[in-house]
All heavy atoms as atom14 arrays in JSON, in Angstrom:
{
  "sequence": "RWPLAAGLVLALVCGTGGFFAVRGGLVPVLG",
  "atom14_mask": [
    [1, 1, 1, 1, 1, 1, 1, 1, 1, 1, 1, 0, 0, 0],
    [1, 1, 1, 1, 1, 1, 1, 1, 1, 1, 1, 1, 1, 1],
    [1, 1, 1, 1, 1, 1, 1, 0, 0, 0, 0, 0, 0, 0],
    [1, 1, 1, 1, 1, 1, 1, 1, 0, 0, 0, 0, 0, 0],
    [1, 1, 1, 1, 1, 0, 0, 0, 0, 0, 0, 0, 0, 0],
    [1, 1, 1, 1, 1, 0, 0, 0, 0, 0, 0, 0, 0, 0],
    [1, 1, 1, 1, 0, 0, 0, 0, 0, 0, 0, 0, 0, 0],
    [1, 1, 1, 1, 1, 1, 1, 1, 0, 0, 0, 0, 0, 0],
    [1, 1, 1, 1, 1, 1, 1, 0, 0, 0, 0, 0, 0, 0],
    [1, 1, 1, 1, 1, 1, 1, 1, 0, 0, 0, 0, 0, 0],
    [1, 1, 1, 1, 1, 0, 0, 0, 0, 0, 0, 0, 0, 0],
    [1, 1, 1, 1, 1, 1, 1, 1, 0, 0, 0, 0, 0, 0],
    [1, 1, 1, 1, 1, 1, 1, 0, 0, 0, 0, 0, 0, 0],
    [1, 1, 1, 1, 1, 1, 0, 0, 0, 0, 0, 0, 0, 0],
    [1, 1, 1, 1, 0, 0, 0, 0, 0, 0, 0, 0, 0, 0],
    [1, 1, 1, 1, 1, 1, 1, 0, 0, 0, 0, 0, 0, 0],
    [1, 1, 1, 1, 0, 0, 0, 0, 0, 0, 0, 0, 0, 0],
    [1, 1, 1, 1, 0, 0, 0, 0, 0, 0, 0, 0, 0, 0],
    [1, 1, 1, 1, 1, 1, 1, 1, 1, 1, 1, 0, 0, 0],
    [1, 1, 1, 1, 1, 1, 1, 1, 1, 1, 1, 0, 0, 0],
    [1, 1, 1, 1, 1, 0, 0, 0, 0, 0, 0, 0, 0, 0],
    [1, 1, 1, 1, 1, 1, 1, 0, 0, 0, 0, 0, 0, 0],
    [1, 1, 1, 1, 1, 1, 1, 1, 1, 1, 1, 0, 0, 0],
    [1, 1, 1, 1, 0, 0, 0, 0, 0, 0, 0, 0, 0, 0],
    [1, 1, 1, 1, 0, 0, 0, 0, 0, 0, 0, 0, 0, 0],
    [1, 1, 1, 1, 1, 1, 1, 1, 0, 0, 0, 0, 0, 0],
    [1, 1, 1, 1, 1, 1, 1, 0, 0, 0, 0, 0, 0, 0],
    [1, 1, 1, 1, 1, 1, 1, 0, 0, 0, 0, 0, 0, 0],
    [1, 1, 1, 1, 1, 1, 1, 0, 0, 0, 0, 0, 0, 0],
    [1, 1, 1, 1, 1, 1, 1, 1, 0, 0, 0, 0, 0, 0],
    [1, 1, 1, 1, 0, 0, 0, 0, 0, 0, 0, 0, 0, 0]
  ],
  "atom14_positions": [
    [[105.4, 91.75, 92.39], [105.95, 93.07, 92.17], [106.18, 93.89, 93.44], [106.65, 94.94, 93.41], [105.02, 93.88, 91.27], [104.9, 93.21, 89.89], [104.29, 94.1, 88.92], [104.22, 93.4, 87.68], [103.62, 93.79, 86.66], [102.96, 94.9, 86.67], [103.61, 93.13, 85.49], [0.0, 0.0, 0.0], [0.0, 0.0, 0.0], [0.0, 0.0, 0.0]],
    [[106.01, 93.24, 94.49], [106.16, 93.85, 95.83], [107.6, 94.34, 96.08], [107.84, 95.48, 96.44], [105.74, 92.88, 96.93], [106.11, 93.33, 98.31], [107.0, 92.7, 99.11], [105.67, 94.46, 98.99], [107.15, 93.4, 100.28], [106.36, 94.52, 100.2], [104.81, 95.49, 98.65], [106.13, 95.45, 101.17], [104.65, 96.52, 99.65], [105.28, 96.48, 100.83]],
    [[108.68, 93.49, 95.77], [110.11, 93.99, 96.0], [110.41, 95.2, 95.12], [111.13, 96.11, 95.5], [110.97, 92.8, 95.59], [110.05, 91.62, 95.75], [108.71, 92.07, 95.4], [0.0, 0.0, 0.0], [0.0, 0.0, 0.0], [0.0, 0.0, 0.0], [0.0, 0.0, 0.0], [0.0, 0.0, 0.0], [0.0, 0.0, 0.0], [0.0, 0.0, 0.0]],
    [[109.94, 95.21, 93.84], [110.19, 96.38, 92.95], [109.6, 97.69, 93.56], [110.24, 98.71, 93.6], [109.71, 96.07, 91.58], [109.96, 97.17, 90.53], [111.43, 97.49, 90.38], [109.21, 96.84, 89.25], [0.0, 0.0, 0.0], [0.0, 0.0, 0.0], [0.0, 0.0, 0.0], [0.0, 0.0, 0.0], [0.0, 0.0, 0.0], [0.0, 0.0, 0.0]],
    [[108.29, 97.53, 94.01], [107.62, 98.7, 94.51], [108.33, 99.19, 95.76], [108.46, 100.39, 95.97], [106.11, 98.38, 94.8], [0.0, 0.0, 0.0], [0.0, 0.0, 0.0], [0.0, 0.0, 0.0], [0.0, 0.0, 0.0], [0.0, 0.0, 0.0], [0.0, 0.0, 0.0], [0.0, 0.0, 0.0], [0.0, 0.0, 0.0], [0.0, 0.0, 0.0]],
    [[108.68, 98.21, 96.69], [109.38, 98.62, 97.95], [110.77, 99.31, 97.62], [111.05, 100.27, 98.3], [109.57, 97.33, 98.8], [0.0, 0.0, 0.0], [0.0, 0.0, 0.0], [0.0, 0.0, 0.0], [0.0, 0.0, 0.0], [0.0, 0.0, 0.0], [0.0, 0.0, 0.0], [0.0, 0.0, 0.0], [0.0, 0.0, 0.0], [0.0, 0.0, 0.0]],
    [[111.47, 98.82, 96.69], [112.73, 99.43, 96.31], [112.56, 100.86, 95.74], [113.36, 101.69, 96.08], [0.0, 0.0, 0.0], [0.0, 0.0, 0.0], [0.0, 0.0, 0.0], [0.0, 0.0, 0.0], [0.0, 0.0, 0.0], [0.0, 0.0, 0.0], [0.0, 0.0, 0.0], [0.0, 0.0, 0.0], [0.0, 0.0, 0.0], [0.0, 0.0, 0.0]],
    [[111.58, 101.07, 94.91], [111.34, 102.4, 94.41], [110.91, 103.4, 95.59], [111.39, 104.47, 95.58], [110.23, 102.36, 93.34], [110.68, 101.78, 92.01], [109.51, 101.6, 91.07], [111.73, 102.6, 91.37], [0.0, 0.0, 0.0], [0.0, 0.0, 0.0], [0.0, 0.0, 0.0], [0.0, 0.0, 0.0], [0.0, 0.0, 0.0], [0.0, 0.0, 0.0]],
    [[110.04, 102.92, 96.4], [109.64, 103.8, 97.53], [110.81, 104.12, 98.43], [111.01, 105.28, 98.85], [108.48, 103.12, 98.35], [108.23, 103.92, 99.63], [107.25, 103.09, 97.47], [0.0, 0.0, 0.0], [0.0, 0.0, 0.0], [0.0, 0.0, 0.0], [0.0, 0.0, 0.0], [0.0, 0.0, 0.0], [0.0, 0.0, 0.0], [0.0, 0.0, 0.0]],
    [[111.7, 103.11, 98.75], [112.83, 103.3, 99.57], [113.8, 104.3, 98.93], [114.38, 105.13, 99.61], [113.52, 101.94, 99.88], [114.66, 102.0, 100.87], [114.19, 102.46, 102.21], [115.29, 100.59, 100.97], [0.0, 0.0, 0.0], [0.0, 0.0, 0.0], [0.0, 0.0, 0.0], [0.0, 0.0, 0.0], [0.0, 0.0, 0.0], [0.0, 0.0, 0.0]],
    [[114.04, 104.14, 97.62], [114.97, 105.07, 96.95], [114.41, 106.55, 96.92], [115.17, 107.41, 97.13], [115.15, 104.64, 95.44], [0.0, 0.0, 0.0], [0.0, 0.0, 0.0], [0.0, 0.0, 0.0], [0.0, 0.0, 0.0], [0.0, 0.0, 0.0], [0.0, 0.0, 0.0], [0.0, 0.0, 0.0], [0.0, 0.0, 0.0], [0.0, 0.0, 0.0]],
    [[113.15, 106.64, 96.77], [112.47, 107.91, 96.88], [112.66, 108.59, 98.23], [113.03, 109.82, 98.31], [111.06, 107.86, 96.39], [110.28, 109.2, 96.34], [110.89, 110.1, 95.25], [108.8, 108.93, 96.07], [0.0, 0.0, 0.0], [0.0, 0.0, 0.0], [0.0, 0.0, 0.0], [0.0, 0.0, 0.0], [0.0, 0.0, 0.0], [0.0, 0.0, 0.0]],
    [[112.44, 107.86, 99.25], [112.5, 108.3, 100.64], [113.98, 108.72, 100.95], [114.26, 109.75, 101.5], [111.92, 107.27, 101.61], [112.33, 107.68, 103.03], [110.49, 107.25, 101.44], [0.0, 0.0, 0.0], [0.0, 0.0, 0.0], [0.0, 0.0, 0.0], [0.0, 0.0, 0.0], [0.0, 0.0, 0.0], [0.0, 0.0, 0.0], [0.0, 0.0, 0.0]],
    [[114.93, 107.82, 100.58], [116.3, 108.16, 100.88], [116.83, 109.35, 100.08], [117.57, 110.23, 100.56], [117.22, 106.95, 100.54], [117.03, 105.58, 101.75], [0.0, 0.0, 0.0], [0.0, 0.0, 0.0], [0.0, 0.0, 0.0], [0.0, 0.0, 0.0], [0.0, 0.0, 0.0], [0.0, 0.0, 0.0], [0.0, 0.0, 0.0], [0.0, 0.0, 0.0]],
    [[116.4, 109.42, 98.86], [116.84, 110.62, 98.01], [116.28, 111.93, 98.58], [117.01, 112.94, 98.67], [0.0, 0.0, 0.0], [0.0, 0.0, 0.0], [0.0, 0.0, 0.0], [0.0, 0.0, 0.0], [0.0, 0.0, 0.0], [0.0, 0.0, 0.0], [0.0, 0.0, 0.0], [0.0, 0.0, 0.0], [0.0, 0.0, 0.0], [0.0, 0.0, 0.0]],
    [[115.03, 111.88, 98.96], [114.42, 113.08, 99.59], [115.09, 113.48, 100.89], [115.41, 114.67, 101.11], [112.92, 112.87, 99.76], [112.28, 112.48, 98.52], [112.22, 114.14, 100.34], [0.0, 0.0, 0.0], [0.0, 0.0, 0.0], [0.0, 0.0, 0.0], [0.0, 0.0, 0.0], [0.0, 0.0, 0.0], [0.0, 0.0, 0.0], [0.0, 0.0, 0.0]],
    [[115.4, 112.45, 101.67], [116.06, 112.73, 102.94], [117.44, 113.3, 102.75], [117.89, 114.23, 103.47], [0.0, 0.0, 0.0], [0.0, 0.0, 0.0], [0.0, 0.0, 0.0], [0.0, 0.0, 0.0], [0.0, 0.0, 0.0], [0.0, 0.0, 0.0], [0.0, 0.0, 0.0], [0.0, 0.0, 0.0], [0.0, 0.0, 0.0], [0.0, 0.0, 0.0]],
    [[118.16, 112.78, 101.79], [119.55, 113.23, 101.44], [119.45, 114.71, 100.97], [120.4, 115.48, 101.41], [0.0, 0.0, 0.0], [0.0, 0.0, 0.0], [0.0, 0.0, 0.0], [0.0, 0.0, 0.0], [0.0, 0.0, 0.0], [0.0, 0.0, 0.0], [0.0, 0.0, 0.0], [0.0, 0.0, 0.0], [0.0, 0.0, 0.0], [0.0, 0.0, 0.0]],
    [[118.53, 114.97, 100.13], [118.44, 116.33, 99.62], [118.23, 117.32, 100.75], [118.91, 118.35, 100.84], [117.26, 116.42, 98.64], [116.91, 117.8, 98.24], [117.67, 118.52, 97.28], [115.8, 118.45, 98.73], [117.42, 119.8, 96.92], [115.51, 119.71, 98.39], [116.27, 120.42, 97.42], [0.0, 0.0, 0.0], [0.0, 0.0, 0.0], [0.0, 0.0, 0.0]],
    [[117.23, 117.03, 101.67], [116.99, 117.96, 102.73], [118.12, 118.04, 103.73], [118.33, 119.04, 104.37], [115.63, 117.62, 103.44], [114.5, 118.03, 102.53], [113.66, 117.13, 101.96], [114.21, 119.36, 102.33], [112.58, 117.51, 101.25], [113.11, 119.82, 101.51], [112.28, 118.89, 100.98], [0.0, 0.0, 0.0], [0.0, 0.0, 0.0], [0.0, 0.0, 0.0]],
    [[118.86, 116.94, 103.87], [119.98, 116.97, 104.9], [121.09, 117.92, 104.35], [121.68, 118.61, 105.09], [120.51, 115.53, 105.06], [0.0, 0.0, 0.0], [0.0, 0.0, 0.0], [0.0, 0.0, 0.0], [0.0, 0.0, 0.0], [0.0, 0.0, 0.0], [0.0, 0.0, 0.0], [0.0, 0.0, 0.0], [0.0, 0.0, 0.0], [0.0, 0.0, 0.0]],
    [[121.36, 117.8, 103.02], [122.4, 118.72, 102.44], [121.87, 120.12, 102.37], [122.7, 121.1, 102.73], [122.78, 118.18, 101.06], [123.67, 119.21, 100.31], [123.49, 116.91, 101.11], [0.0, 0.0, 0.0], [0.0, 0.0, 0.0], [0.0, 0.0, 0.0], [0.0, 0.0, 0.0], [0.0, 0.0, 0.0], [0.0, 0.0, 0.0], [0.0, 0.0, 0.0]],
    [[120.66, 120.3, 102.04], [120.18, 121.65, 101.89], [120.06, 122.36, 103.27], [120.22, 123.57, 103.39], [118.78, 121.64, 101.27], [118.27, 123.04, 101.03], [117.2, 123.03, 100.07], [116.81, 124.44, 99.74], [115.89, 124.76, 99.04], [115.21, 123.91, 98.39], [115.58, 126.07, 98.89], [0.0, 0.0, 0.0], [0.0, 0.0, 0.0], [0.0, 0.0, 0.0]],
    [[119.75, 121.62, 104.34], [119.66, 122.13, 105.63], [120.95, 122.38, 106.34], [121.07, 122.99, 107.37], [0.0, 0.0, 0.0], [0.0, 0.0, 0.0], [0.0, 0.0, 0.0], [0.0, 0.0, 0.0], [0.0, 0.0, 0.0], [0.0, 0.0, 0.0], [0.0, 0.0, 0.0], [0.0, 0.0, 0.0], [0.0, 0.0, 0.0], [0.0, 0.0, 0.0]],
    [[122.1, 121.94, 105.74], [123.32, 122.07, 106.34], [123.77, 120.98, 107.29], [124.79, 121.14, 107.97], [0.0, 0.0, 0.0], [0.0, 0.0, 0.0], [0.0, 0.0, 0.0], [0.0, 0.0, 0.0], [0.0, 0.0, 0.0], [0.0, 0.0, 0.0], [0.0, 0.0, 0.0], [0.0, 0.0, 0.0], [0.0, 0.0, 0.0], [0.0, 0.0, 0.0]],
    [[123.02, 119.92, 107.36], [123.36, 118.82, 108.27], [124.6, 118.06, 107.72], [125.34, 117.57, 108.51], [122.19, 117.85, 108.43], [120.96, 118.45, 109.11], [119.81, 117.44, 109.04], [121.27, 118.9, 110.52], [0.0, 0.0, 0.0], [0.0, 0.0, 0.0], [0.0, 0.0, 0.0], [0.0, 0.0, 0.0], [0.0, 0.0, 0.0], [0.0, 0.0, 0.0]],
    [[124.75, 118.03, 106.45], [125.93, 117.39, 105.82], [126.72, 118.38, 105.03], [126.15, 119.04, 104.12], [125.42, 116.27, 104.86], [126.52, 115.51, 104.19], [124.49, 115.25, 105.59], [0.0, 0.0, 0.0], [0.0, 0.0, 0.0], [0.0, 0.0, 0.0], [0.0, 0.0, 0.0], [0.0, 0.0, 0.0], [0.0, 0.0, 0.0], [0.0, 0.0, 0.0]],
    [[128.03, 118.49, 105.4], [128.78, 119.52, 104.59], [129.05, 119.05, 103.24], [129.29, 117.82, 102.99], [130.14, 119.61, 105.42], [130.15, 118.36, 106.28], [128.78, 117.9, 106.41], [0.0, 0.0, 0.0], [0.0, 0.0, 0.0], [0.0, 0.0, 0.0], [0.0, 0.0, 0.0], [0.0, 0.0, 0.0], [0.0, 0.0, 0.0], [0.0, 0.0, 0.0]],
    [[129.08, 119.89, 102.27], [129.33, 119.6, 100.87], [130.71, 120.03, 100.5], [131.1, 121.11, 100.84], [128.23, 120.34, 99.99], [128.48, 119.95, 98.49], [126.88, 119.94, 100.39], [0.0, 0.0, 0.0], [0.0, 0.0, 0.0], [0.0, 0.0, 0.0], [0.0, 0.0, 0.0], [0.0, 0.0, 0.0], [0.0, 0.0, 0.0], [0.0, 0.0, 0.0]],
    [[131.46, 119.1, 99.86], [132.83, 119.51, 99.47], [132.75, 120.6, 98.41], [131.95, 120.56, 97.53], [133.48, 118.26, 98.83], [133.79, 117.18, 99.87], [134.48, 115.98, 99.15], [134.72, 117.66, 100.93], [0.0, 0.0, 0.0], [0.0, 0.0, 0.0], [0.0, 0.0, 0.0], [0.0, 0.0, 0.0], [0.0, 0.0, 0.0], [0.0, 0.0, 0.0]],
    [[133.57, 121.58, 98.52], [133.65, 122.67, 97.63], [132.67, 123.78, 97.93], [132.64, 124.83, 97.18], [0.0, 0.0, 0.0], [0.0, 0.0, 0.0], [0.0, 0.0, 0.0], [0.0, 0.0, 0.0], [0.0, 0.0, 0.0], [0.0, 0.0, 0.0], [0.0, 0.0, 0.0], [0.0, 0.0, 0.0], [0.0, 0.0, 0.0], [0.0, 0.0, 0.0]]
  ]
}
């Protein structure tokens, strides 16, 4: 079950990083 757990952790880290990048203004949002 190691690949499944690693995939979930990676998705959680990337999602959190993307959220803070957009919220902090590092990535412009269309509209």
